Amino acid sequence: MATPVATNPDKCPEGAWQRRLFNGKCQLILQSADSAGEIVLEAVGEGLKPAQVTVKAN
């Protein structure tokens, strides 16, 4: 089995956030800002239905 190797940078410029999949999987690391609130993640891909999840940051 192949070992996943991320070739994307861990941090992206504002508005340029995107990740590539490895065998259909993607790892995402979130870092909250200075204040609490909600983070909305959206996954989109060619031929797939978009999906969203909301995460509360304390």
PDB file of N, CA and C in Angstrom:
ATOM      1  N   MET A   1       0.849  -1.176   0.000  1.00  0.00           N
ATOM      2  CA  MET A   1       0.000   0.000   0.000  1.00  0.00           C
ATOM      3  C   MET A   1       0.896   1.241   0.000  1.00  0.00           C
ATOM      4  N   ALA A   2       0.543   2.200  -0.812  1.00  0.00           N
ATOM      5  CA  ALA A   2       1.325   3.438  -0.902  1.00  0.00           C
ATOM      6  C   ALA A   2       1.105   4.310   0.326  1.00  0.00           C
ATOM      7  N   THR A   3       2.143   5.003   0.723  1.00  0.00           N
ATOM      8  CA  THR A   3       2.071   5.925   1.851  1.00  0.00           C
ATOM      9  C   THR A   3       1.674   7.302   1.348  1.00  0.00           C
ATOM     10  N   PRO A   4       0.672   7.947   1.962  1.00  0.00           N
ATOM     11  CA  PRO A   4       0.284   9.283   1.498  1.00  0.00           C
ATOM     12  C   PRO A   4       1.391  10.296   1.742  1.00  0.00           C
ATOM     13  N   VAL A   5       1.626  11.092   0.741  1.00  0.00           N
ATOM     14  CA  VAL A   5       2.616  12.166   0.838  1.00  0.00           C
ATOM     15  C   VAL A   5       1.944  13.436   0.346  1.00  0.00           C
ATOM     16  N   ALA A   6       1.845  14.441   1.211  1.00  0.00           N
ATOM     17  CA  ALA A   6       1.215  15.708   0.831  1.00  0.00           C
ATOM     18  C   ALA A   6       2.213  16.542   0.036  1.00  0.00           C
ATOM     19  N   THR A   7       1.780  16.990  -1.123  1.00  0.00           N
ATOM     20  CA  THR A   7       2.623  17.868  -1.937  1.00  0.00           C
ATOM     21  C   THR A   7       2.110  19.299  -1.905  1.00  0.00           C
ATOM     22  N   ASN A   8       0.953  19.505  -1.255  1.00  0.00           N
ATOM     23  CA  ASN A   8       0.408  20.851  -1.109  1.00  0.00           C
ATOM     24  C   ASN A   8       1.058  21.524   0.089  1.00  0.00           C
ATOM     25  N   PRO A   9       1.208  22.853   0.038  1.00  0.00           N
ATOM     26  CA  PRO A   9       1.711  23.539   1.230  1.00  0.00           C
ATOM     27  C   PRO A   9       0.688  23.429   2.368  1.00  0.00           C
ATOM     28  N   ASP A  10       1.167  23.428   3.612  1.00  0.00           N
ATOM     29  CA  ASP A  10       0.264  23.337   4.761  1.00  0.00           C
ATOM     30  C   ASP A  10      -0.552  24.606   4.949  1.00  0.00           C
ATOM     31  N   LYS A  11       0.000  25.746   4.590  1.00  0.00           N
ATOM     32  CA  LYS A  11      -0.721  27.011   4.687  1.00  0.00           C
ATOM     33  C   LYS A  11      -0.824  27.615   3.303  1.00  0.00           C
ATOM     34  N   CYS A  12      -2.010  28.154   2.994  1.00  0.00           N
ATOM     35  CA  CYS A  12      -2.252  28.740   1.680  1.00  0.00           C
ATOM     36  C   CYS A  12      -2.631  30.206   1.837  1.00  0.00           C
ATOM     37  N   PRO A  13      -2.349  31.008   0.827  1.00  0.00           N
ATOM     38  CA  PRO A  13      -2.771  32.411   0.874  1.00  0.00           C
ATOM     39  C   PRO A  13      -4.296  32.508   0.947  1.00  0.00           C
ATOM     40  N   GLU A  14      -4.798  33.570   1.551  1.00  0.00           N
ATOM     41  CA  GLU A  14      -6.243  33.805   1.671  1.00  0.00           C
ATOM     42  C   GLU A  14      -6.913  33.645   0.310  1.00  0.00           C
ATOM     43  N   GLY A  15      -7.970  32.840   0.263  1.00  0.00           N
ATOM     44  CA  GLY A  15      -8.736  32.642  -0.966  1.00  0.00           C
ATOM     45  C   GLY A  15      -8.150  31.609  -1.908  1.00  0.00           C
ATOM     46  N   ALA A  16      -6.998  31.022  -1.596  1.00  0.00           N
ATOM     47  CA  ALA A  16      -6.370  30.032  -2.482  1.00  0.00           C
ATOM     48  C   ALA A  16      -6.324  28.660  -1.818  1.00  0.00           C
ATOM     49  N   TRP A  17      -7.267  28.382  -0.922  1.00  0.00           N
ATOM     50  CA  TRP A  17      -7.255  27.125  -0.184  1.00  0.00           C
ATOM     51  C   TRP A  17      -7.765  26.002  -1.052  1.00  0.00           C
ATOM     52  N   GLN A  18      -6.939  25.015  -1.261  1.00  0.00           N
ATOM     53  CA  GLN A  18      -7.370  23.812  -1.956  1.00  0.00           C
ATOM     54  C   GLN A  18      -6.416  22.677  -1.605  1.00  0.00           C
ATOM     55  N   ARG A  19      -6.936  21.460  -1.623  1.00  0.00           N
ATOM     56  CA  ARG A  19      -6.136  20.274  -1.323  1.00  0.00           C
ATOM     57  C   ARG A  19      -6.423  19.237  -2.392  1.00  0.00           C
ATOM     58  N   ARG A  20      -5.464  18.411  -2.668  1.00  0.00           N
ATOM     59  CA  ARG A  20      -5.650  17.298  -3.595  1.00  0.00           C
ATOM     60  C   ARG A  20      -5.871  16.015  -2.790  1.00  0.00           C
ATOM     61  N   LEU A  21      -6.595  15.082  -3.390  1.00  0.00           N
ATOM     62  CA  LEU A  21      -6.870  13.812  -2.725  1.00  0.00           C
ATOM     63  C   LEU A  21      -5.738  12.822  -2.957  1.00  0.00           C
ATOM     64  N   PHE A  22      -5.609  11.883  -2.035  1.00  0.00           N
ATOM     65  CA  PHE A  22      -4.698  10.759  -2.176  1.00  0.00           C
ATOM     66  C   PHE A  22      -5.532   9.507  -2.000  1.00  0.00           C
ATOM     67  N   ASN A  23      -5.702   8.749  -3.068  1.00  0.00           N
ATOM     68  CA  ASN A  23      -6.564   7.555  -3.049  1.00  0.00           C
ATOM     69  C   ASN A  23      -7.943   7.874  -2.490  1.00  0.00           C
ATOM     70  N   GLY A  24      -8.488   9.037  -2.864  1.00  0.00           N
ATOM     71  CA  GLY A  24      -9.832   9.423  -2.452  1.00  0.00           C
ATOM     72  C   GLY A  24      -9.933  10.022  -1.069  1.00  0.00           C
ATOM     73  N   LYS A  25      -8.799  10.269  -0.417  1.00  0.00           N
ATOM     74  CA  LYS A  25      -8.824  10.820   0.944  1.00  0.00           C
ATOM     75  C   LYS A  25      -8.040  12.124   0.992  1.00  0.00           C
ATOM     76  N   CYS A  26      -8.434  12.972   1.935  1.00  0.00           N
ATOM     77  CA  CYS A  26      -7.776  14.264   2.103  1.00  0.00           C
ATOM     78  C   CYS A  26      -7.674  14.576   3.588  1.00  0.00           C
ATOM     79  N   GLN A  27      -6.526  15.083   3.994  1.00  0.00           N
ATOM     80  CA  GLN A  27      -6.335  15.487   5.384  1.00  0.00           C
ATOM     81  C   GLN A  27      -6.440  16.997   5.470  1.00  0.00           C
ATOM     82  N   LEU A  28      -7.136  17.463   6.462  1.00  0.00           N
ATOM     83  CA  LEU A  28      -7.317  18.891   6.660  1.00  0.00           C
ATOM     84  C   LEU A  28      -6.977  19.231   8.098  1.00  0.00           C
ATOM     85  N   ILE A  29      -6.161  20.252   8.297  1.00  0.00           N
ATOM     86  CA  ILE A  29      -5.798  20.729   9.626  1.00  0.00           C
ATOM     87  C   ILE A  29      -6.325  22.157   9.754  1.00  0.00           C
ATOM     88  N   LEU A  30      -7.140  22.404  10.776  1.00  0.00           N
ATOM     89  CA  LEU A  30      -7.713  23.729  11.006  1.00  0.00           C
ATOM     90  C   LEU A  30      -6.989  24.439  12.127  1.00  0.00           C
ATOM     91  N   GLN A  31      -6.783  25.723  11.957  1.00  0.00           N
ATOM     92  CA  GLN A  31      -6.235  26.558  13.016  1.00  0.00           C
ATOM     93  C   GLN A  31      -7.174  27.748  13.151  1.00  0.00           C
ATOM     94  N   SER A  32      -7.742  27.902  14.343  1.00  0.00           N
ATOM     95  CA  SER A  32      -8.697  28.991  14.539  1.00  0.00           C
ATOM     96  C   SER A  32      -7.971  30.316  14.722  1.00  0.00           C
ATOM     97  N   ALA A  33      -8.714  31.375  14.555  1.00  0.00           N
ATOM     98  CA  ALA A  33      -8.187  32.725  14.749  1.00  0.00           C
ATOM     99  C   ALA A  33      -8.236  33.074  16.234  1.00  0.00           C
ATOM    100  N   ASP A  34      -8.183  34.347  16.534  1.00  0.00           N
ATOM    101  CA  ASP A  34      -8.167  34.801  17.924  1.00  0.00           C
ATOM    102  C   ASP A  34      -9.530  34.762  18.607  1.00  0.00           C
ATOM    103  N   SER A  35     -10.586  34.574  17.848  1.00  0.00           N
ATOM    104  CA  SER A  35     -11.915  34.606  18.448  1.00  0.00           C
ATOM    105  C   SER A  35     -12.691  33.335  18.116  1.00  0.00           C
ATOM    106  N   ALA A  36     -13.683  33.043  18.967  1.00  0.00           N
ATOM    107  CA  ALA A  36     -14.532  31.878  18.749  1.00  0.00           C
ATOM    108  C   ALA A  36     -15.513  32.149  17.618  1.00  0.00           C
ATOM    109  N   GLY A  37     -16.012  31.098  17.032  1.00  0.00           N
ATOM    110  CA  GLY A  37     -16.994  31.241  15.963  1.00  0.00           C
ATOM    111  C   GLY A  37     -17.157  29.943  15.206  1.00  0.00           C
ATOM    112  N   GLU A  38     -17.770  30.032  14.042  1.00  0.00           N
ATOM    113  CA  GLU A  38     -17.997  28.855  13.217  1.00  0.00           C
ATOM    114  C   GLU A  38     -17.083  28.875  12.001  1.00  0.00           C
ATOM    115  N   ILE A  39     -16.602  27.704  11.644  1.00  0.00           N
ATOM    116  CA  ILE A  39     -15.799  27.531  10.437  1.00  0.00           C
ATOM    117  C   ILE A  39     -16.618  26.656   9.505  1.00  0.00           C
ATOM    118  N   VAL A  40     -16.854  27.125   8.299  1.00  0.00           N
ATOM    119  CA  VAL A  40     -17.626  26.366   7.317  1.00  0.00           C
ATOM    120  C   VAL A  40     -16.652  25.806   6.286  1.00  0.00           C
ATOM    121  N   LEU A  41     -16.638  24.485   6.166  1.00  0.00           N
ATOM    122  CA  LEU A  41     -15.801  23.812   5.181  1.00  0.00           C
ATOM    123  C   LEU A  41     -16.675  23.322   4.044  1.00  0.00           C
ATOM    124  N   GLU A  42     -16.225  23.515   2.823  1.00  0.00           N
ATOM    125  CA  GLU A  42     -16.964  23.034   1.667  1.00  0.00           C
ATOM    126  C   GLU A  42     -16.022  22.220   0.799  1.00  0.00           C
ATOM    127  N   ALA A  43     -16.478  21.040   0.413  1.00  0.00           N
ATOM    128  CA  ALA A  43     -15.706  20.181  -0.484  1.00  0.00           C
ATOM    129  C   ALA A  43     -16.425  20.123  -1.823  1.00  0.00           C
ATOM    130  N   VAL A  44     -15.696  20.388  -2.880  1.00  0.00           N
ATOM    131  CA  VAL A  44     -16.251  20.317  -4.230  1.00  0.00           C
ATOM    132  C   VAL A  44     -15.266  19.567  -5.127  1.00  0.00           C
ATOM    133  N   GLY A  45     -15.781  18.917  -6.120  1.00  0.00           N
ATOM    134  CA  GLY A  45     -14.935  18.203  -7.064  1.00  0.00           C
ATOM    135  C   GLY A  45     -15.703  17.897  -8.330  1.00  0.00           C
ATOM    136  N   GLU A  46     -14.985  17.803  -9.398  1.00  0.00           N
ATOM    137  CA  GLU A  46     -15.603  17.529 -10.696  1.00  0.00           C
ATOM    138  C   GLU A  46     -16.333  16.189 -10.640  1.00  0.00           C
ATOM    139  N   GLY A  47     -17.605  16.214 -11.009  1.00  0.00           N
ATOM    140  CA  GLY A  47     -18.419  15.001 -11.024  1.00  0.00           C
ATOM    141  C   GLY A  47     -18.976  14.606  -9.670  1.00  0.00           C
ATOM    142  N   LEU A  48     -18.752  15.414  -8.633  1.00  0.00           N
ATOM    143  CA  LEU A  48     -19.243  15.104  -7.287  1.00  0.00           C
ATOM    144  C   LEU A  48     -20.201  16.178  -6.797  1.00  0.00           C
ATOM    145  N   LYS A  49     -21.112  15.800  -5.896  1.00  0.00           N
ATOM    146  CA  LYS A  49     -21.982  16.791  -5.268  1.00  0.00           C
ATOM    147  C   LYS A  49     -21.174  17.568  -4.236  1.00  0.00           C
ATOM    148  N   PRO A  50     -21.343  18.884  -4.176  1.00  0.00           N
ATOM    149  CA  PRO A  50     -20.664  19.671  -3.121  1.00  0.00           C
ATOM    150  C   PRO A  50     -21.177  19.241  -1.747  1.00  0.00           C
ATOM    151  N   ALA A  51     -20.327  19.330  -0.730  1.00  0.00           N
ATOM    152  CA  ALA A  51     -20.717  18.997   0.639  1.00  0.00           C
ATOM    153  C   ALA A  51     -20.151  20.069   1.569  1.00  0.00           C
ATOM    154  N   GLN A  52     -20.877  20.335   2.647  1.00  0.00           N
ATOM    155  CA  GLN A  52     -20.445  21.327   3.635  1.00  0.00           C
ATOM    156  C   GLN A  52     -20.559  20.746   5.039  1.00  0.00           C
ATOM    157  N   VAL A  53     -19.671  21.231   5.910  1.00  0.00           N
ATOM    158  CA  VAL A  53     -19.755  20.905   7.321  1.00  0.00           C
ATOM    159  C   VAL A  53     -19.360  22.169   8.091  1.00  0.00           C
ATOM    160  N   THR A  54     -20.017  22.400   9.223  1.00  0.00           N
ATOM    161  CA  THR A  54     -19.711  23.561  10.064  1.00  0.00           C
ATOM    162  C   THR A  54     -19.078  23.055  11.356  1.00  0.00           C
ATOM    163  N   VAL A  55     -17.947  23.670  11.711  1.00  0.00           N
ATOM    164  CA  VAL A  55     -17.207  23.300  12.922  1.00  0.00           C
ATOM    165  C   VAL A  55     -17.190  24.502  13.847  1.00  0.00           C
ATOM    166  N   LYS A  56     -17.508  24.289  15.123  1.00  0.00           N
ATOM    167  CA  LYS A  56     -17.456  25.390  16.108  1.00  0.00           C
ATOM    168  C   LYS A  56     -16.041  25.500  16.652  1.00  0.00           C
ATOM    169  N   ALA A  57     -15.500  26.700  16.642  1.00  0.00           N
ATOM    170  CA  ALA A  57     -14.188  26.977  17.230  1.00  0.00           C
ATOM    171  C   ALA A  57     -14.391  27.716  18.530  1.00  0.00           C
ATOM    172  N   ASN A  58     -13.812  27.240  19.610  1.00  0.00           N
ATOM    173  CA  ASN A  58     -13.959  27.869  20.931  1.00  0.00           C
ATOM    174  C   ASN A  58     -12.797  28.782  21.227  1.00  0.00           C
TER     175      ASN A  58
END
